[in-house]
């Protein structure tokens, strides 16, 4: 029985990581930061590239965002099936990132509303995490 629960925990953790990765990739600013990080890591090894060489990822923004939604759905299904197996703060953070990186608002003048709403949800999840981690039972 313990081995089965251990395997379920590993699968759940992998699904949570995949959900987080899928939602992060869809956010343009974070995507830009990831591209710059790749350029910086490559430069450590002596490989010099321009950040423009990774611009092809931008064309697949909708696919990455959709993948993030699918993985979020899988994570929610696992959360409801196995109560407490996934961090609710992490799922809330992923939801915020998916709202923030909504590709359908790129052409409208109201995309800042989604930026603030998604950023607010993500910041709320960080606040919940910090509250539960450091402030439960008084200040430490």
N, C-alpha and C. Protein backbone atom coordinates (compact mmCIF):
# COMPACT_ATOMS: atom_id res chain seq x y z
N UNK A 1 0.82 -1.20 0.00
CA UNK A 1 0.00 0.00 0.00
C UNK A 1 0.86 1.26 0.00
N UNK A 2 1.95 1.24 0.82
CA UNK A 2 2.83 2.41 0.88
C UNK A 2 3.51 2.64 -0.46
N UNK A 3 3.89 1.55 -1.12
CA UNK A 3 4.58 1.69 -2.41
C UNK A 3 3.64 2.33 -3.44
N UNK A 4 2.36 1.94 -3.42
CA UNK A 4 1.39 2.51 -4.34
C UNK A 4 1.23 4.01 -4.09
N UNK A 5 1.14 4.41 -2.82
CA UNK A 5 1.02 5.83 -2.49
C UNK A 5 2.28 6.59 -2.87
N UNK A 6 3.43 5.96 -2.72
CA UNK A 6 4.69 6.60 -3.09
C UNK A 6 4.73 6.86 -4.60
N UNK A 7 4.28 5.87 -5.39
CA UNK A 7 4.24 6.04 -6.84
C UNK A 7 3.24 7.10 -7.25
N UNK A 8 2.11 7.16 -6.57
CA UNK A 8 1.11 8.18 -6.87
C UNK A 8 1.69 9.56 -6.58
N UNK A 9 2.46 9.69 -5.50
CA UNK A 9 3.10 10.95 -5.17
C UNK A 9 4.09 11.38 -6.23
N UNK A 10 4.83 10.43 -6.78
CA UNK A 10 5.79 10.76 -7.83
C UNK A 10 5.08 11.20 -9.10
N UNK A 11 4.01 10.53 -9.46
CA UNK A 11 3.24 10.90 -10.65
C UNK A 11 2.61 12.27 -10.45
N UNK A 12 2.09 12.51 -9.26
CA UNK A 12 1.48 13.79 -8.95
C UNK A 12 2.51 14.92 -9.03
N UNK A 13 3.68 14.67 -8.46
CA UNK A 13 4.74 15.69 -8.51
C UNK A 13 5.15 15.97 -9.95
N UNK A 14 5.26 14.94 -10.76
CA UNK A 14 5.64 15.12 -12.17
C UNK A 14 4.56 15.91 -12.92
N UNK A 15 3.30 15.62 -12.64
CA UNK A 15 2.21 16.36 -13.29
C UNK A 15 2.21 17.83 -12.85
N UNK A 16 2.52 18.07 -11.58
CA UNK A 16 2.57 19.43 -11.08
C UNK A 16 3.71 20.21 -11.72
N UNK A 17 4.86 19.58 -11.86
CA UNK A 17 6.00 20.22 -12.52
C UNK A 17 5.67 20.51 -13.98
N UNK A 18 5.04 19.56 -14.65
CA UNK A 18 4.67 19.75 -16.05
C UNK A 18 3.65 20.88 -16.19
N UNK A 19 2.69 20.96 -15.26
CA UNK A 19 1.70 22.03 -15.30
C UNK A 19 2.36 23.39 -15.11
N UNK A 20 3.23 23.48 -14.14
CA UNK A 20 3.94 24.73 -13.90
C UNK A 20 4.79 25.14 -15.08
N UNK A 21 5.48 24.17 -15.66
CA UNK A 21 6.33 24.45 -16.82
C UNK A 21 5.49 24.92 -18.01
N UNK A 22 4.39 24.25 -18.25
CA UNK A 22 3.53 24.64 -19.37
C UNK A 22 2.96 26.03 -19.21
N UNK A 23 2.59 26.40 -17.98
CA UNK A 23 2.02 27.73 -17.79
C UNK A 23 3.08 28.82 -17.83
N UNK A 24 4.28 28.50 -17.36
CA UNK A 24 5.35 29.51 -17.38
C UNK A 24 5.79 29.80 -18.81
N UNK A 25 5.85 28.77 -19.64
CA UNK A 25 6.31 28.97 -21.00
C UNK A 25 5.39 29.91 -21.77
N UNK A 26 4.11 29.94 -21.41
CA UNK A 26 3.16 30.75 -22.17
C UNK A 26 3.25 32.24 -21.88
N UNK A 27 3.82 32.62 -20.80
CA UNK A 27 3.90 34.03 -20.44
C UNK A 27 5.04 34.67 -21.22
N UNK A 28 4.74 35.74 -21.95
CA UNK A 28 5.75 36.33 -22.83
C UNK A 28 6.96 36.84 -22.06
N UNK A 29 6.74 37.59 -21.00
CA UNK A 29 7.86 38.14 -20.26
C UNK A 29 8.71 37.04 -19.63
N UNK A 30 8.05 36.04 -19.10
CA UNK A 30 8.80 34.93 -18.51
C UNK A 30 9.48 34.14 -19.61
N UNK A 31 8.81 34.00 -20.74
CA UNK A 31 9.41 33.30 -21.89
C UNK A 31 10.66 34.05 -22.33
N UNK A 32 10.57 35.36 -22.36
CA UNK A 32 11.73 36.18 -22.73
C UNK A 32 12.86 35.98 -21.72
N UNK A 33 12.52 35.92 -20.46
CA UNK A 33 13.53 35.69 -19.42
C UNK A 33 14.16 34.31 -19.56
N UNK A 34 13.35 33.32 -19.90
CA UNK A 34 13.88 31.97 -20.11
C UNK A 34 14.86 31.97 -21.28
N UNK A 35 14.49 32.65 -22.36
CA UNK A 35 15.38 32.73 -23.52
C UNK A 35 16.70 33.41 -23.15
N UNK A 36 16.62 34.48 -22.39
CA UNK A 36 17.84 35.16 -21.97
C UNK A 36 18.66 34.28 -21.02
N UNK A 37 17.98 33.50 -20.19
CA UNK A 37 18.70 32.58 -19.31
C UNK A 37 19.42 31.50 -20.11
N UNK A 38 18.77 31.01 -21.16
CA UNK A 38 19.41 30.02 -22.03
C UNK A 38 20.65 30.63 -22.69
N UNK A 39 20.52 31.86 -23.16
CA UNK A 39 21.66 32.54 -23.76
C UNK A 39 22.79 32.69 -22.74
N UNK A 40 22.43 33.07 -21.50
CA UNK A 40 23.45 33.24 -20.45
C UNK A 40 24.12 31.91 -20.10
N UNK A 41 23.34 30.85 -20.01
CA UNK A 41 23.92 29.54 -19.68
C UNK A 41 24.83 29.07 -20.81
N UNK A 42 24.41 29.27 -22.05
CA UNK A 42 25.26 28.88 -23.18
C UNK A 42 26.56 29.68 -23.19
N UNK A 43 26.48 30.95 -22.79
CA UNK A 43 27.70 31.77 -22.81
C UNK A 43 28.70 31.30 -21.76
N UNK A 44 28.23 30.69 -20.68
CA UNK A 44 29.14 30.14 -19.68
C UNK A 44 30.02 29.05 -20.31
N UNK A 45 29.45 28.32 -21.25
CA UNK A 45 30.19 27.25 -21.92
C UNK A 45 30.90 27.74 -23.19
N UNK A 46 30.90 29.03 -23.40
CA UNK A 46 31.62 29.59 -24.54
C UNK A 46 30.82 29.63 -25.83
N UNK A 47 29.52 29.36 -25.75
CA UNK A 47 28.66 29.41 -26.94
C UNK A 47 27.94 30.74 -26.92
N UNK A 48 28.26 31.59 -27.89
CA UNK A 48 27.68 32.92 -27.94
C UNK A 48 26.57 32.93 -28.99
N UNK A 49 25.34 33.25 -28.56
CA UNK A 49 24.21 33.37 -29.47
C UNK A 49 23.45 34.65 -29.12
N UNK A 50 22.70 35.13 -30.06
CA UNK A 50 21.84 36.27 -29.82
C UNK A 50 20.50 35.76 -29.32
N UNK A 51 19.82 36.57 -28.50
CA UNK A 51 18.51 36.17 -27.99
C UNK A 51 17.48 36.08 -29.12
N UNK A 52 17.76 36.79 -30.23
CA UNK A 52 16.82 36.75 -31.36
C UNK A 52 16.72 35.38 -31.99
N UNK A 53 17.73 34.55 -31.80
CA UNK A 53 17.72 33.24 -32.42
C UNK A 53 16.63 32.33 -31.82
N UNK A 54 16.18 32.67 -30.62
CA UNK A 54 15.15 31.87 -29.96
C UNK A 54 13.74 32.45 -30.17
N UNK A 55 13.60 33.44 -31.03
CA UNK A 55 12.29 34.07 -31.25
C UNK A 55 11.27 33.12 -31.89
N UNK A 56 11.69 32.01 -32.45
CA UNK A 56 10.77 31.06 -33.07
C UNK A 56 9.79 30.48 -32.03
N UNK A 57 10.18 30.52 -30.75
CA UNK A 57 9.30 29.99 -29.70
C UNK A 57 8.02 30.83 -29.62
N UNK A 58 8.11 32.12 -29.93
CA UNK A 58 6.96 33.02 -29.87
C UNK A 58 5.81 32.55 -30.77
N UNK A 59 6.14 31.92 -31.88
CA UNK A 59 5.11 31.44 -32.80
C UNK A 59 4.26 30.32 -32.20
N UNK A 60 4.78 29.64 -31.20
CA UNK A 60 4.08 28.51 -30.59
C UNK A 60 3.47 28.87 -29.24
N UNK A 61 3.29 30.14 -28.98
CA UNK A 61 2.75 30.61 -27.71
C UNK A 61 1.39 30.00 -27.41
N UNK A 62 0.50 29.98 -28.39
CA UNK A 62 -0.84 29.42 -28.18
C UNK A 62 -0.78 27.94 -27.84
N UNK A 63 0.11 27.21 -28.48
CA UNK A 63 0.24 25.77 -28.18
C UNK A 63 0.76 25.55 -26.76
N UNK A 64 1.75 26.34 -26.35
CA UNK A 64 2.29 26.20 -25.00
C UNK A 64 1.25 26.57 -23.96
N UNK A 65 0.46 27.62 -24.24
CA UNK A 65 -0.58 28.03 -23.31
C UNK A 65 -1.65 26.93 -23.21
N UNK A 66 -2.02 26.36 -24.35
CA UNK A 66 -2.98 25.25 -24.35
C UNK A 66 -2.45 24.05 -23.58
N UNK A 67 -1.17 23.77 -23.74
CA UNK A 67 -0.55 22.68 -23.00
C UNK A 67 -0.59 22.98 -21.50
N UNK A 68 -0.37 24.22 -21.13
CA UNK A 68 -0.47 24.61 -19.73
C UNK A 68 -1.87 24.40 -19.19
N UNK A 69 -2.89 24.72 -20.00
CA UNK A 69 -4.27 24.51 -19.58
C UNK A 69 -4.59 23.02 -19.40
N UNK A 70 -4.08 22.20 -20.32
CA UNK A 70 -4.32 20.75 -20.22
C UNK A 70 -3.66 20.20 -18.96
N UNK A 71 -2.42 20.60 -18.70
CA UNK A 71 -1.73 20.11 -17.52
C UNK A 71 -2.35 20.65 -16.23
N UNK A 72 -2.87 21.86 -16.28
CA UNK A 72 -3.59 22.39 -15.12
C UNK A 72 -4.84 21.56 -14.86
N UNK A 73 -5.56 21.20 -15.92
CA UNK A 73 -6.74 20.34 -15.78
C UNK A 73 -6.39 18.99 -15.18
N UNK A 74 -5.27 18.41 -15.64
CA UNK A 74 -4.83 17.14 -15.07
C UNK A 74 -4.46 17.29 -13.60
N UNK A 75 -3.79 18.38 -13.27
CA UNK A 75 -3.43 18.62 -11.86
C UNK A 75 -4.66 18.79 -10.99
N UNK A 76 -5.67 19.51 -11.51
CA UNK A 76 -6.91 19.67 -10.75
C UNK A 76 -7.63 18.35 -10.57
N UNK A 77 -7.62 17.51 -11.61
CA UNK A 77 -8.24 16.19 -11.49
C UNK A 77 -7.54 15.35 -10.43
N UNK A 78 -6.21 15.40 -10.42
CA UNK A 78 -5.46 14.68 -9.39
C UNK A 78 -5.74 15.23 -8.00
N UNK A 79 -5.87 16.56 -7.90
CA UNK A 79 -6.15 17.18 -6.61
C UNK A 79 -7.50 16.73 -6.07
N UNK A 80 -8.51 16.65 -6.94
CA UNK A 80 -9.83 16.24 -6.48
C UNK A 80 -9.90 14.75 -6.21
N UNK A 81 -9.13 13.96 -6.95
CA UNK A 81 -9.16 12.51 -6.73
C UNK A 81 -8.36 12.13 -5.49
N UNK A 82 -7.17 12.69 -5.33
CA UNK A 82 -6.30 12.39 -4.20
C UNK A 82 -6.13 13.68 -3.39
N UNK A 83 -7.01 13.89 -2.47
CA UNK A 83 -7.01 15.13 -1.67
C UNK A 83 -5.64 15.37 -1.02
N UNK A 84 -5.15 16.57 -1.17
CA UNK A 84 -3.92 16.96 -0.50
C UNK A 84 -2.63 16.48 -1.13
N UNK A 85 -2.70 15.90 -2.31
CA UNK A 85 -1.48 15.37 -2.93
C UNK A 85 -0.72 16.43 -3.71
N UNK A 86 -1.36 17.54 -4.03
CA UNK A 86 -0.74 18.62 -4.78
C UNK A 86 -0.90 19.89 -3.97
N UNK A 87 0.10 20.74 -4.01
CA UNK A 87 0.05 22.00 -3.30
C UNK A 87 -1.02 22.91 -3.93
N UNK A 88 -1.95 23.33 -3.12
CA UNK A 88 -3.01 24.23 -3.61
C UNK A 88 -2.43 25.59 -3.96
N UNK A 89 -1.39 25.99 -3.25
CA UNK A 89 -0.74 27.26 -3.59
C UNK A 89 -0.09 27.20 -4.96
N UNK A 90 0.50 26.06 -5.31
CA UNK A 90 1.14 25.93 -6.62
C UNK A 90 0.09 25.93 -7.73
N UNK A 91 -1.03 25.29 -7.50
CA UNK A 91 -2.10 25.31 -8.50
C UNK A 91 -2.65 26.72 -8.66
N UNK A 92 -2.82 27.44 -7.55
CA UNK A 92 -3.28 28.82 -7.62
C UNK A 92 -2.28 29.68 -8.38
N UNK A 93 -0.99 29.46 -8.15
CA UNK A 93 0.06 30.19 -8.86
C UNK A 93 0.01 29.89 -10.36
N UNK A 94 -0.19 28.62 -10.71
CA UNK A 94 -0.31 28.24 -12.12
C UNK A 94 -1.52 28.89 -12.78
N UNK A 95 -2.62 28.95 -12.06
CA UNK A 95 -3.82 29.61 -12.59
C UNK A 95 -3.52 31.08 -12.86
N UNK A 96 -2.84 31.74 -11.93
CA UNK A 96 -2.46 33.14 -12.11
C UNK A 96 -1.59 33.33 -13.34
N UNK A 97 -0.60 32.45 -13.53
CA UNK A 97 0.27 32.56 -14.70
C UNK A 97 -0.48 32.31 -16.00
N UNK A 98 -1.43 31.40 -15.99
CA UNK A 98 -2.21 31.15 -17.20
C UNK A 98 -3.13 32.33 -17.52
N UNK A 99 -3.67 32.98 -16.50
CA UNK A 99 -4.47 34.18 -16.73
C UNK A 99 -3.57 35.28 -17.27
N UNK A 100 -2.42 35.45 -16.66
CA UNK A 100 -1.48 36.49 -17.05
C UNK A 100 -0.99 36.30 -18.48
N UNK A 101 -0.78 35.07 -18.88
CA UNK A 101 -0.24 34.79 -20.21
C UNK A 101 -1.28 34.46 -21.25
N UNK A 102 -2.52 34.83 -21.02
CA UNK A 102 -3.60 34.53 -21.96
C UNK A 102 -3.26 35.09 -23.35
N UNK A 103 -3.06 34.22 -24.35
CA UNK A 103 -2.65 34.70 -25.67
C UNK A 103 -3.77 35.37 -26.46
N UNK A 104 -5.02 35.22 -26.04
CA UNK A 104 -6.13 35.79 -26.79
C UNK A 104 -6.29 37.28 -26.54
N UNK A 105 -5.62 37.81 -25.53
CA UNK A 105 -5.74 39.23 -25.23
C UNK A 105 -4.59 40.05 -25.80
N UNK A 106 -3.71 39.43 -26.55
CA UNK A 106 -2.53 40.11 -27.08
C UNK A 106 -2.90 41.24 -28.04
N UNK A 107 -4.01 41.09 -28.73
CA UNK A 107 -4.38 42.07 -29.76
C UNK A 107 -5.40 43.09 -29.26
N UNK A 108 -5.75 43.03 -27.99
CA UNK A 108 -6.76 43.95 -27.47
C UNK A 108 -6.09 45.01 -26.60
N UNK A 109 -6.86 46.01 -26.26
CA UNK A 109 -6.35 47.06 -25.38
C UNK A 109 -6.56 46.72 -23.90
N UNK A 110 -7.17 45.57 -23.62
CA UNK A 110 -7.49 45.19 -22.25
C UNK A 110 -6.55 44.13 -21.69
N UNK A 111 -5.41 43.90 -22.34
CA UNK A 111 -4.52 42.86 -21.85
C UNK A 111 -3.93 43.21 -20.49
N UNK A 112 -3.84 44.50 -20.15
CA UNK A 112 -3.31 44.88 -18.84
C UNK A 112 -4.23 44.39 -17.72
N UNK A 113 -5.54 44.26 -17.99
CA UNK A 113 -6.47 43.74 -16.99
C UNK A 113 -6.09 42.29 -16.65
N UNK A 114 -5.77 41.50 -17.67
CA UNK A 114 -5.36 40.12 -17.44
C UNK A 114 -4.00 40.06 -16.76
N UNK A 115 -3.12 40.99 -17.08
CA UNK A 115 -1.81 41.03 -16.42
C UNK A 115 -1.98 41.27 -14.93
N UNK A 116 -2.81 42.26 -14.58
CA UNK A 116 -3.01 42.56 -13.17
C UNK A 116 -3.78 41.45 -12.46
N UNK A 117 -4.79 40.90 -13.10
CA UNK A 117 -5.58 39.83 -12.48
C UNK A 117 -4.71 38.58 -12.27
N UNK A 118 -4.01 38.17 -13.31
CA UNK A 118 -3.13 37.00 -13.18
C UNK A 118 -2.00 37.22 -12.21
N UNK A 119 -1.40 38.41 -12.27
CA UNK A 119 -0.34 38.74 -11.33
C UNK A 119 -0.85 38.79 -9.90
N UNK A 120 -2.07 39.28 -9.74
CA UNK A 120 -2.68 39.32 -8.40
C UNK A 120 -2.94 37.93 -7.85
N UNK A 121 -3.44 37.03 -8.70
CA UNK A 121 -3.68 35.65 -8.26
C UNK A 121 -2.36 34.97 -7.91
N UNK A 122 -1.33 35.17 -8.73
CA UNK A 122 -0.02 34.58 -8.45
C UNK A 122 0.57 35.16 -7.16
N UNK A 123 0.44 36.48 -6.98
CA UNK A 123 0.95 37.11 -5.75
C UNK A 123 0.19 36.63 -4.52
N UNK A 124 -1.11 36.39 -4.69
CA UNK A 124 -1.92 35.87 -3.59
C UNK A 124 -1.44 34.48 -3.19
N UNK A 125 -1.12 33.65 -4.16
CA UNK A 125 -0.64 32.31 -3.83
C UNK A 125 0.71 32.37 -3.11
N UNK A 126 1.58 33.31 -3.52
CA UNK A 126 2.86 33.48 -2.83
C UNK A 126 2.61 33.97 -1.40
N UNK A 127 1.65 34.89 -1.22
CA UNK A 127 1.32 35.37 0.13
C UNK A 127 0.79 34.24 1.00
N UNK A 128 -0.07 33.38 0.45
CA UNK A 128 -0.58 32.23 1.21
C UNK A 128 0.56 31.29 1.59
N UNK A 129 1.48 31.07 0.66
CA UNK A 129 2.62 30.19 0.95
C UNK A 129 3.45 30.77 2.09
N UNK A 130 3.77 32.05 1.99
CA UNK A 130 4.60 32.68 3.03
C UNK A 130 3.88 32.69 4.37
N UNK A 131 2.57 32.94 4.35
CA UNK A 131 1.80 32.93 5.60
C UNK A 131 1.83 31.56 6.24
N UNK A 132 1.59 30.51 5.46
CA UNK A 132 1.59 29.16 6.01
C UNK A 132 2.98 28.71 6.43
N UNK A 133 3.99 29.19 5.73
CA UNK A 133 5.36 28.75 6.00
C UNK A 133 5.97 29.46 7.22
N UNK A 134 5.74 30.76 7.31
CA UNK A 134 6.47 31.54 8.32
C UNK A 134 5.62 32.16 9.41
N UNK A 135 4.32 32.31 9.19
CA UNK A 135 3.53 33.05 10.15
C UNK A 135 2.45 32.24 10.84
N UNK A 136 2.40 30.94 10.66
CA UNK A 136 1.42 30.12 11.35
C UNK A 136 1.91 29.94 12.79
N UNK A 137 1.06 30.22 13.74
CA UNK A 137 1.44 30.10 15.14
C UNK A 137 2.26 31.28 15.63
N UNK A 138 2.17 32.40 14.97
CA UNK A 138 2.91 33.59 15.39
C UNK A 138 4.17 33.78 14.59
N UNK A 139 4.77 34.91 14.78
CA UNK A 139 6.02 35.23 14.08
C UNK A 139 7.15 34.38 14.62
N UNK A 140 8.01 33.96 13.70
CA UNK A 140 9.17 33.15 14.12
C UNK A 140 10.43 33.93 13.99
